[in-house]
């Protein structure tokens, strides 16, 4: 009856079970903390607001640039249509 306690397989199995349980607990704690960080970041606006503002600024610059290109193309088209 005492033999199973001194068996190598008993201890290997016990270590494996404890490691699995510890891994599950660690994963659960990490996921909980990650969720809390995500919720806090979303509640504060986080980097999403600054990214949206930067994107809006870039879009405004692109629209200005496209307007200038459109004017140039219109003048080129006008010049080409005036050539006999």
PDB file of N, CA and C in Angstrom:
ATOM      1  N   UNK A   1       0.814  -1.195   0.000  1.00  0.00           N
ATOM      2  CA  UNK A   1       0.000   0.000   0.000  1.00  0.00           C
ATOM      3  C   UNK A   1       0.859   1.261   0.000  1.00  0.00           C
ATOM      4  N   UNK A   2       1.984   1.204   0.628  1.00  0.00           N
ATOM      5  CA  UNK A   2       2.879   2.351   0.700  1.00  0.00           C
ATOM      6  C   UNK A   2       3.668   2.540  -0.589  1.00  0.00           C
ATOM      7  N   UNK A   3       3.668   1.535  -1.434  1.00  0.00           N
ATOM      8  CA  UNK A   3       4.519   1.551  -2.617  1.00  0.00           C
ATOM      9  C   UNK A   3       4.110   2.647  -3.614  1.00  0.00           C
ATOM     10  N   UNK A   4       2.840   2.895  -3.800  1.00  0.00           N
ATOM     11  CA  UNK A   4       2.388   3.867  -4.789  1.00  0.00           C
ATOM     12  C   UNK A   4       2.862   5.270  -4.445  1.00  0.00           C
ATOM     13  N   UNK A   5       3.024   5.589  -3.166  1.00  0.00           N
ATOM     14  CA  UNK A   5       3.472   6.916  -2.754  1.00  0.00           C
ATOM     15  C   UNK A   5       4.923   7.149  -3.145  1.00  0.00           C
ATOM     16  N   UNK A   6       5.720   6.090  -3.183  1.00  0.00           N
ATOM     17  CA  UNK A   6       7.134   6.213  -3.518  1.00  0.00           C
ATOM     18  C   UNK A   6       7.402   5.976  -5.000  1.00  0.00           C
ATOM     19  N   UNK A   7       6.376   5.776  -5.759  1.00  0.00           N
ATOM     20  CA  UNK A   7       6.528   5.477  -7.178  1.00  0.00           C
ATOM     21  C   UNK A   7       6.866   6.751  -7.958  1.00  0.00           C
ATOM     22  N   UNK A   8       7.754   6.611  -8.912  1.00  0.00           N
ATOM     23  CA  UNK A   8       8.128   7.735  -9.766  1.00  0.00           C
ATOM     24  C   UNK A   8       6.932   8.198 -10.598  1.00  0.00           C
ATOM     25  N   UNK A   9       6.126   7.275 -11.082  1.00  0.00           N
ATOM     26  CA  UNK A   9       4.974   7.626 -11.900  1.00  0.00           C
ATOM     27  C   UNK A   9       3.944   8.429 -11.117  1.00  0.00           C
ATOM     28  N   UNK A  10       3.804   8.134  -9.830  1.00  0.00           N
ATOM     29  CA  UNK A  10       2.891   8.909  -8.990  1.00  0.00           C
ATOM     30  C   UNK A  10       3.330  10.367  -8.950  1.00  0.00           C
ATOM     31  N   UNK A  11       4.607  10.590  -8.716  1.00  0.00           N
ATOM     32  CA  UNK A  11       5.111  11.954  -8.597  1.00  0.00           C
ATOM     33  C   UNK A  11       5.095  12.680  -9.943  1.00  0.00           C
ATOM     34  N   UNK A  12       5.416  11.978 -11.010  1.00  0.00           N
ATOM     35  CA  UNK A  12       5.339  12.601 -12.332  1.00  0.00           C
ATOM     36  C   UNK A  12       3.898  12.992 -12.666  1.00  0.00           C
ATOM     37  N   UNK A  13       2.976  12.115 -12.354  1.00  0.00           N
ATOM     38  CA  UNK A  13       1.564  12.430 -12.588  1.00  0.00           C
ATOM     39  C   UNK A  13       1.091  13.585 -11.737  1.00  0.00           C
ATOM     40  N   UNK A  14       1.515  13.592 -10.474  1.00  0.00           N
ATOM     41  CA  UNK A  14       1.126  14.671  -9.570  1.00  0.00           C
ATOM     42  C   UNK A  14       1.676  16.010 -10.054  1.00  0.00           C
ATOM     43  N   UNK A  15       2.930  16.023 -10.475  1.00  0.00           N
ATOM     44  CA  UNK A  15       3.531  17.258 -10.990  1.00  0.00           C
ATOM     45  C   UNK A  15       2.792  17.716 -12.248  1.00  0.00           C
ATOM     46  N   UNK A  16       2.441  16.780 -13.120  1.00  0.00           N
ATOM     47  CA  UNK A  16       1.716  17.136 -14.341  1.00  0.00           C
ATOM     48  C   UNK A  16       0.349  17.732 -14.020  1.00  0.00           C
ATOM     49  N   UNK A  17      -0.368  17.130 -13.098  1.00  0.00           N
ATOM     50  CA  UNK A  17      -1.696  17.636 -12.728  1.00  0.00           C
ATOM     51  C   UNK A  17      -1.588  19.019 -12.094  1.00  0.00           C
ATOM     52  N   UNK A  18      -0.621  19.194 -11.199  1.00  0.00           N
ATOM     53  CA  UNK A  18      -0.434  20.499 -10.554  1.00  0.00           C
ATOM     54  C   UNK A  18      -0.041  21.550 -11.593  1.00  0.00           C
ATOM     55  N   UNK A  19       0.813  21.183 -12.549  1.00  0.00           N
ATOM     56  CA  UNK A  19       1.223  22.126 -13.590  1.00  0.00           C
ATOM     57  C   UNK A  19       0.038  22.532 -14.465  1.00  0.00           C
ATOM     58  N   UNK A  20      -0.813  21.586 -14.790  1.00  0.00           N
ATOM     59  CA  UNK A  20      -1.989  21.903 -15.602  1.00  0.00           C
ATOM     60  C   UNK A  20      -2.920  22.840 -14.846  1.00  0.00           C
ATOM     61  N   UNK A  21      -3.154  22.550 -13.583  1.00  0.00           N
ATOM     62  CA  UNK A  21      -4.028  23.408 -12.769  1.00  0.00           C
ATOM     63  C   UNK A  21      -3.436  24.808 -12.647  1.00  0.00           C
ATOM     64  N   UNK A  22      -2.123  24.896 -12.409  1.00  0.00           N
ATOM     65  CA  UNK A  22      -1.470  26.204 -12.300  1.00  0.00           C
ATOM     66  C   UNK A  22      -1.558  26.960 -13.625  1.00  0.00           C
ATOM     67  N   UNK A  23      -1.407  26.260 -14.739  1.00  0.00           N
ATOM     68  CA  UNK A  23      -1.516  26.906 -16.046  1.00  0.00           C
ATOM     69  C   UNK A  23      -2.904  27.443 -16.313  1.00  0.00           C
ATOM     70  N   UNK A  24      -3.911  26.683 -15.939  1.00  0.00           N
ATOM     71  CA  UNK A  24      -5.294  27.132 -16.129  1.00  0.00           C
ATOM     72  C   UNK A  24      -5.577  28.363 -15.276  1.00  0.00           C
ATOM     73  N   UNK A  25      -5.129  28.348 -14.031  1.00  0.00           N
ATOM     74  CA  UNK A  25      -5.348  29.493 -13.140  1.00  0.00           C
ATOM     75  C   UNK A  25      -4.614  30.725 -13.668  1.00  0.00           C
ATOM     76  N   UNK A  26      -3.361  30.549 -14.089  1.00  0.00           N
ATOM     77  CA  UNK A  26      -2.580  31.669 -14.619  1.00  0.00           C
ATOM     78  C   UNK A  26      -3.235  32.247 -15.863  1.00  0.00           C
ATOM     79  N   UNK A  27      -3.697  31.390 -16.747  1.00  0.00           N
ATOM     80  CA  UNK A  27      -4.360  31.851 -17.963  1.00  0.00           C
ATOM     81  C   UNK A  27      -5.640  32.615 -17.636  1.00  0.00           C
ATOM     82  N   UNK A  28      -6.405  32.129 -16.689  1.00  0.00           N
ATOM     83  CA  UNK A  28      -7.647  32.804 -16.308  1.00  0.00           C
ATOM     84  C   UNK A  28      -7.360  34.184 -15.722  1.00  0.00           C
ATOM     85  N   UNK A  29      -6.351  34.277 -14.872  1.00  0.00           N
ATOM     86  CA  UNK A  29      -5.998  35.569 -14.273  1.00  0.00           C
ATOM     87  C   UNK A  29      -5.515  36.538 -15.346  1.00  0.00           C
ATOM     88  N   UNK A  30      -4.677  36.064 -16.266  1.00  0.00           N
ATOM     89  CA  UNK A  30      -4.175  36.934 -17.332  1.00  0.00           C
ATOM     90  C   UNK A  30      -5.297  37.417 -18.239  1.00  0.00           C
ATOM     91  N   UNK A  31      -6.220  36.544 -18.587  1.00  0.00           N
ATOM     92  CA  UNK A  31      -7.348  36.945 -19.435  1.00  0.00           C
ATOM     93  C   UNK A  31      -8.237  37.956 -18.715  1.00  0.00           C
ATOM     94  N   UNK A  32      -8.434  37.757 -17.420  1.00  0.00           N
ATOM     95  CA  UNK A  32      -9.227  38.713 -16.649  1.00  0.00           C
ATOM     96  C   UNK A  32      -8.582  40.088 -16.626  1.00  0.00           C
ATOM     97  N   UNK A  33      -7.276  40.125 -16.404  1.00  0.00           N
ATOM     98  CA  UNK A  33      -6.567  41.405 -16.387  1.00  0.00           C
ATOM     99  C   UNK A  33      -6.572  42.060 -17.762  1.00  0.00           C
ATOM    100  N   UNK A  34      -6.422  41.263 -18.805  1.00  0.00           N
ATOM    101  CA  UNK A  34      -6.447  41.796 -20.168  1.00  0.00           C
ATOM    102  C   UNK A  34      -7.812  42.402 -20.477  1.00  0.00           C
ATOM    103  N   UNK A  35      -8.858  41.739 -20.050  1.00  0.00           N
ATOM    104  CA  UNK A  35     -10.207  42.252 -20.273  1.00  0.00           C
ATOM    105  C   UNK A  35     -10.424  43.553 -19.510  1.00  0.00           C
ATOM    106  N   UNK A  36      -9.937  43.610 -18.271  1.00  0.00           N
ATOM    107  CA  UNK A  36     -10.078  44.839 -17.480  1.00  0.00           C
ATOM    108  C   UNK A  36      -9.342  45.993 -18.143  1.00  0.00           C
ATOM    109  N   UNK A  37      -8.129  45.733 -18.662  1.00  0.00           N
ATOM    110  CA  UNK A  37      -7.370  46.783 -19.346  1.00  0.00           C
ATOM    111  C   UNK A  37      -8.093  47.245 -20.605  1.00  0.00           C
ATOM    112  N   UNK A  38      -8.652  46.306 -21.351  1.00  0.00           N
ATOM    113  CA  UNK A  38      -9.364  46.656 -22.580  1.00  0.00           C
ATOM    114  C   UNK A  38     -10.594  47.502 -22.273  1.00  0.00           C
ATOM    115  N   UNK A  39     -11.338  47.126 -21.249  1.00  0.00           N
ATOM    116  CA  UNK A  39     -12.545  47.873 -20.880  1.00  0.00           C
ATOM    117  C   UNK A  39     -12.173  49.267 -20.393  1.00  0.00           C
ATOM    118  N   UNK A  40     -11.120  49.374 -19.580  1.00  0.00           N
ATOM    119  CA  UNK A  40     -10.693  50.678 -19.080  1.00  0.00           C
ATOM    120  C   UNK A  40     -10.211  51.560 -20.227  1.00  0.00           C
ATOM    121  N   UNK A  41      -9.491  50.977 -21.168  1.00  0.00           N
ATOM    122  CA  UNK A  41      -8.995  51.737 -22.310  1.00  0.00           C
ATOM    123  C   UNK A  41     -10.151  52.213 -23.179  1.00  0.00           C
ATOM    124  N   UNK A  42     -11.119  51.364 -23.391  1.00  0.00           N
ATOM    125  CA  UNK A  42     -12.275  51.741 -24.204  1.00  0.00           C
ATOM    126  C   UNK A  42     -13.115  52.805 -23.503  1.00  0.00           C
ATOM    127  N   UNK A  43     -13.223  52.737 -22.176  1.00  0.00           N
ATOM    128  CA  UNK A  43     -14.013  53.713 -21.431  1.00  0.00           C
ATOM    129  C   UNK A  43     -13.358  55.090 -21.473  1.00  0.00           C
ATOM    130  N   UNK A  44     -12.031  55.129 -21.485  1.00  0.00           N
ATOM    131  CA  UNK A  44     -11.318  56.403 -21.501  1.00  0.00           C
ATOM    132  C   UNK A  44     -11.118  56.944 -22.909  1.00  0.00           C
ATOM    133  N   UNK A  45     -11.494  56.200 -23.887  1.00  0.00           N
ATOM    134  CA  UNK A  45     -11.264  56.636 -25.256  1.00  0.00           C
ATOM    135  C   UNK A  45      -9.935  56.151 -25.773  1.00  0.00           C
ATOM    136  N   UNK A  46      -8.985  55.990 -24.873  1.00  0.00           N
ATOM    137  CA  UNK A  46      -7.689  55.419 -25.197  1.00  0.00           C
ATOM    138  C   UNK A  46      -7.015  56.058 -26.383  1.00  0.00           C
ATOM    139  N   UNK A  47      -6.283  55.286 -27.102  1.00  0.00           N
ATOM    140  CA  UNK A  47      -5.570  55.760 -28.278  1.00  0.00           C
ATOM    141  C   UNK A  47      -6.487  55.858 -29.485  1.00  0.00           C
ATOM    142  N   UNK A  48      -7.672  55.314 -29.375  1.00  0.00           N
ATOM    143  CA  UNK A  48      -8.574  55.318 -30.512  1.00  0.00           C
ATOM    144  C   UNK A  48      -8.971  56.736 -30.897  1.00  0.00           C
ATOM    145  N   UNK A  49      -9.166  57.577 -29.904  1.00  0.00           N
ATOM    146  CA  UNK A  49      -9.566  58.955 -30.183  1.00  0.00           C
ATOM    147  C   UNK A  49      -8.437  59.698 -30.888  1.00  0.00           C
ATOM    148  N   UNK A  50      -7.210  59.546 -30.395  1.00  0.00           N
ATOM    149  CA  UNK A  50      -6.082  60.229 -31.032  1.00  0.00           C
ATOM    150  C   UNK A  50      -5.835  59.670 -32.431  1.00  0.00           C
ATOM    151  N   UNK A  51      -5.995  58.359 -32.593  1.00  0.00           N
ATOM    152  CA  UNK A  51      -5.837  57.779 -33.927  1.00  0.00           C
ATOM    153  C   UNK A  51      -6.888  58.315 -34.889  1.00  0.00           C
ATOM    154  N   UNK A  52      -8.107  58.470 -34.409  1.00  0.00           N
ATOM    155  CA  UNK A  52      -9.167  59.004 -35.262  1.00  0.00           C
ATOM    156  C   UNK A  52      -8.879  60.456 -35.633  1.00  0.00           C
ATOM    157  N   UNK A  53      -8.373  61.246 -34.680  1.00  0.00           N
ATOM    158  CA  UNK A  53      -8.038  62.640 -34.971  1.00  0.00           C
ATOM    159  C   UNK A  53      -6.900  62.731 -35.977  1.00  0.00           C
ATOM    160  N   UNK A  54      -5.892  61.885 -35.821  1.00  0.00           N
ATOM    161  CA  UNK A  54      -4.783  61.883 -36.773  1.00  0.00           C
ATOM    162  C   UNK A  54      -5.263  61.456 -38.156  1.00  0.00           C
ATOM    163  N   UNK A  55      -6.127  60.467 -38.190  1.00  0.00           N
ATOM    164  CA  UNK A  55      -6.675  60.013 -39.464  1.00  0.00           C
ATOM    165  C   UNK A  55      -7.486  61.103 -40.145  1.00  0.00           C
ATOM    166  N   UNK A  56      -8.247  61.866 -39.363  1.00  0.00           N
ATOM    167  CA  UNK A  56      -9.034  62.958 -39.933  1.00  0.00           C
ATOM    168  C   UNK A  56      -8.122  64.038 -40.496  1.00  0.00           C
ATOM    169  N   UNK A  57      -7.026  64.337 -39.805  1.00  0.00           N
ATOM    170  CA  UNK A  57      -6.078  65.338 -40.295  1.00  0.00           C
ATOM    171  C   UNK A  57      -5.428  64.883 -41.599  1.00  0.00           C
ATOM    172  N   UNK A  58      -5.046  63.628 -41.656  1.00  0.00           N
ATOM    173  CA  UNK A  58      -4.442  63.087 -42.883  1.00  0.00           C
ATOM    174  C   UNK A  58      -5.448  63.113 -44.020  1.00  0.00           C
ATOM    175  N   UNK A  59      -6.690  62.768 -43.729  1.00  0.00           N
ATOM    176  CA  UNK A  59      -7.725  62.793 -44.764  1.00  0.00           C
ATOM    177  C   UNK A  59      -7.957  64.208 -45.286  1.00  0.00           C
ATOM    178  N   UNK A  60      -7.914  65.202 -44.404  1.00  0.00           N
ATOM    179  CA  UNK A  60      -8.084  66.589 -44.840  1.00  0.00           C
ATOM    180  C   UNK A  60      -6.937  67.004 -45.757  1.00  0.00           C
ATOM    181  N   UNK A  61      -5.713  66.627 -45.411  1.00  0.00           N
ATOM    182  CA  UNK A  61      -4.566  66.942 -46.264  1.00  0.00           C
ATOM    183  C   UNK A  61      -4.696  66.257 -47.623  1.00  0.00           C
ATOM    184  N   UNK A  62      -5.143  65.021 -47.617  1.00  0.00           N
ATOM    185  CA  UNK A  62      -5.320  64.308 -48.883  1.00  0.00           C
ATOM    186  C   UNK A  62      -6.384  64.966 -49.754  1.00  0.00           C
ATOM    187  N   UNK A  63      -7.466  65.428 -49.135  1.00  0.00           N
ATOM    188  CA  UNK A  63      -8.511  66.096 -49.906  1.00  0.00           C
ATOM    189  C   UNK A  63      -8.000  67.390 -50.522  1.00  0.00           C
ATOM    190  N   UNK A  64      -7.187  68.147 -49.778  1.00  0.00           N
ATOM    191  CA  UNK A  64      -6.593  69.364 -50.328  1.00  0.00           C
ATOM    192  C   UNK A  64      -5.695  69.031 -51.513  1.00  0.00           C
ATOM    193  N   UNK A  65      -4.888  68.020 -51.341  1.00  0.00           N
ATOM    194  CA  UNK A  65      -3.968  67.602 -52.409  1.00  0.00           C
ATOM    195  C   UNK A  65      -4.744  67.119 -53.640  1.00  0.00           C
ATOM    196  N   UNK A  66      -5.793  66.347 -53.412  1.00  0.00           N
ATOM    197  CA  UNK A  66      -6.605  65.879 -54.537  1.00  0.00           C
ATOM    198  C   UNK A  66      -7.302  67.036 -55.250  1.00  0.00           C
ATOM    199  N   UNK A  67      -7.711  68.043 -54.494  1.00  0.00           N
ATOM    200  CA  UNK A  67      -8.314  69.232 -55.109  1.00  0.00           C
ATOM    201  C   UNK A  67      -7.324  69.948 -56.007  1.00  0.00           C
ATOM    202  N   UNK A  68      -6.073  70.064 -55.554  1.00  0.00           N
ATOM    203  CA  UNK A  68      -5.038  70.703 -56.371  1.00  0.00           C
ATOM    204  C   UNK A  68      -4.762  69.892 -57.629  1.00  0.00           C
ATOM    205  N   UNK A  69      -4.702  68.583 -57.497  1.00  0.00           N
ATOM    206  CA  UNK A  69      -4.472  67.718 -58.660  1.00  0.00           C
ATOM    207  C   UNK A  69      -5.636  67.832 -59.634  1.00  0.00           C
ATOM    208  N   UNK A  70      -6.840  67.908 -59.118  1.00  0.00           N
ATOM    209  CA  UNK A  70      -8.030  68.038 -59.967  1.00  0.00           C
ATOM    210  C   UNK A  70      -7.981  69.342 -60.760  1.00  0.00           C
ATOM    211  N   UNK A  71      -7.557  70.433 -60.118  1.00  0.00           N
ATOM    212  CA  UNK A  71      -7.442  71.712 -60.817  1.00  0.00           C
ATOM    213  C   UNK A  71      -6.382  71.643 -61.914  1.00  0.00           C
ATOM    214  N   UNK A  72      -5.259  71.013 -61.626  1.00  0.00           N
ATOM    215  CA  UNK A  72      -4.210  70.880 -62.635  1.00  0.00           C
ATOM    216  C   UNK A  72      -4.696  70.060 -63.824  1.00  0.00           C
ATOM    217  N   UNK A  73      -5.377  68.963 -63.526  1.00  0.00           N
ATOM    218  CA  UNK A  73      -5.894  68.133 -64.610  1.00  0.00           C
ATOM    219  C   UNK A  73      -6.931  68.888 -65.442  1.00  0.00           C
ATOM    220  N   UNK A  74      -7.745  69.700 -64.790  1.00  0.00           N
ATOM    221  CA  UNK A  74      -8.744  70.480 -65.522  1.00  0.00           C
ATOM    222  C   UNK A  74      -8.063  71.479 -66.445  1.00  0.00           C
ATOM    223  N   UNK A  75      -6.993  72.114 -65.959  1.00  0.00           N
ATOM    224  CA  UNK A  75      -6.288  73.075 -66.818  1.00  0.00           C
ATOM    225  C   UNK A  75      -5.589  72.370 -67.973  1.00  0.00           C
ATOM    226  N   UNK A  76      -5.037  71.193 -67.727  1.00  0.00           N
ATOM    227  CA  UNK A  76      -4.398  70.422 -68.803  1.00  0.00           C
ATOM    228  C   UNK A  76      -5.438  69.987 -69.827  1.00  0.00           C
ATOM    229  N   UNK A  77      -6.587  69.553 -69.357  1.00  0.00           N
ATOM    230  CA  UNK A  77      -7.657  69.131 -70.263  1.00  0.00           C
ATOM    231  C   UNK A  77      -8.143  70.305 -71.109  1.00  0.00           C
ATOM    232  N   UNK A  78      -8.255  71.469 -70.469  1.00  0.00           N
ATOM    233  CA  UNK A  78      -8.684  72.666 -71.191  1.00  0.00           C
ATOM    234  C   UNK A  78      -7.672  73.013 -72.270  1.00  0.00           C
ATOM    235  N   UNK A  79      -6.381  72.944 -71.909  1.00  0.00           N
ATOM    236  CA  UNK A  79      -5.327  73.237 -72.880  1.00  0.00           C
ATOM    237  C   UNK A  79      -5.363  72.249 -74.037  1.00  0.00           C
ATOM    238  N   UNK A  80      -5.555  70.991 -73.743  1.00  0.00           N
ATOM    239  CA  UNK A  80      -5.578  69.975 -74.793  1.00  0.00           C
ATOM    240  C   UNK A  80      -6.790  70.117 -75.706  1.00  0.00           C
ATOM    241  N   UNK A  81      -7.908  70.556 -75.178  1.00  0.00           N
ATOM    242  CA  UNK A  81      -9.096  70.723 -76.024  1.00  0.00           C
ATOM    243  C   UNK A  81      -8.991  71.972 -76.887  1.00  0.00           C
ATOM    244  N   UNK A  82      -8.198  72.958 -76.480  1.00  0.00           N
ATOM    245  CA  UNK A  82      -8.030  74.177 -77.265  1.00  0.00           C
ATOM    246  C   UNK A  82      -7.072  73.979 -78.430  1.00  0.00           C
ATOM    247  N   UNK A  83      -6.237  72.961 -78.383  1.00  0.00           N
ATOM    248  CA  UNK A  83      -5.295  72.708 -79.467  1.00  0.00           C
ATOM    249  C   UNK A  83      -6.084  72.181 -80.665  1.00  0.00           C
ATOM    250  N   UNK A  84      -5.891  72.842 -81.855  1.00  0.00           N
ATOM    251  CA  UNK A  84      -6.665  72.406 -83.017  1.00  0.00           C
ATOM    252  C   UNK A  84      -6.226  71.065 -83.568  1.00  0.00           C
TER     253      UNK A  84
END
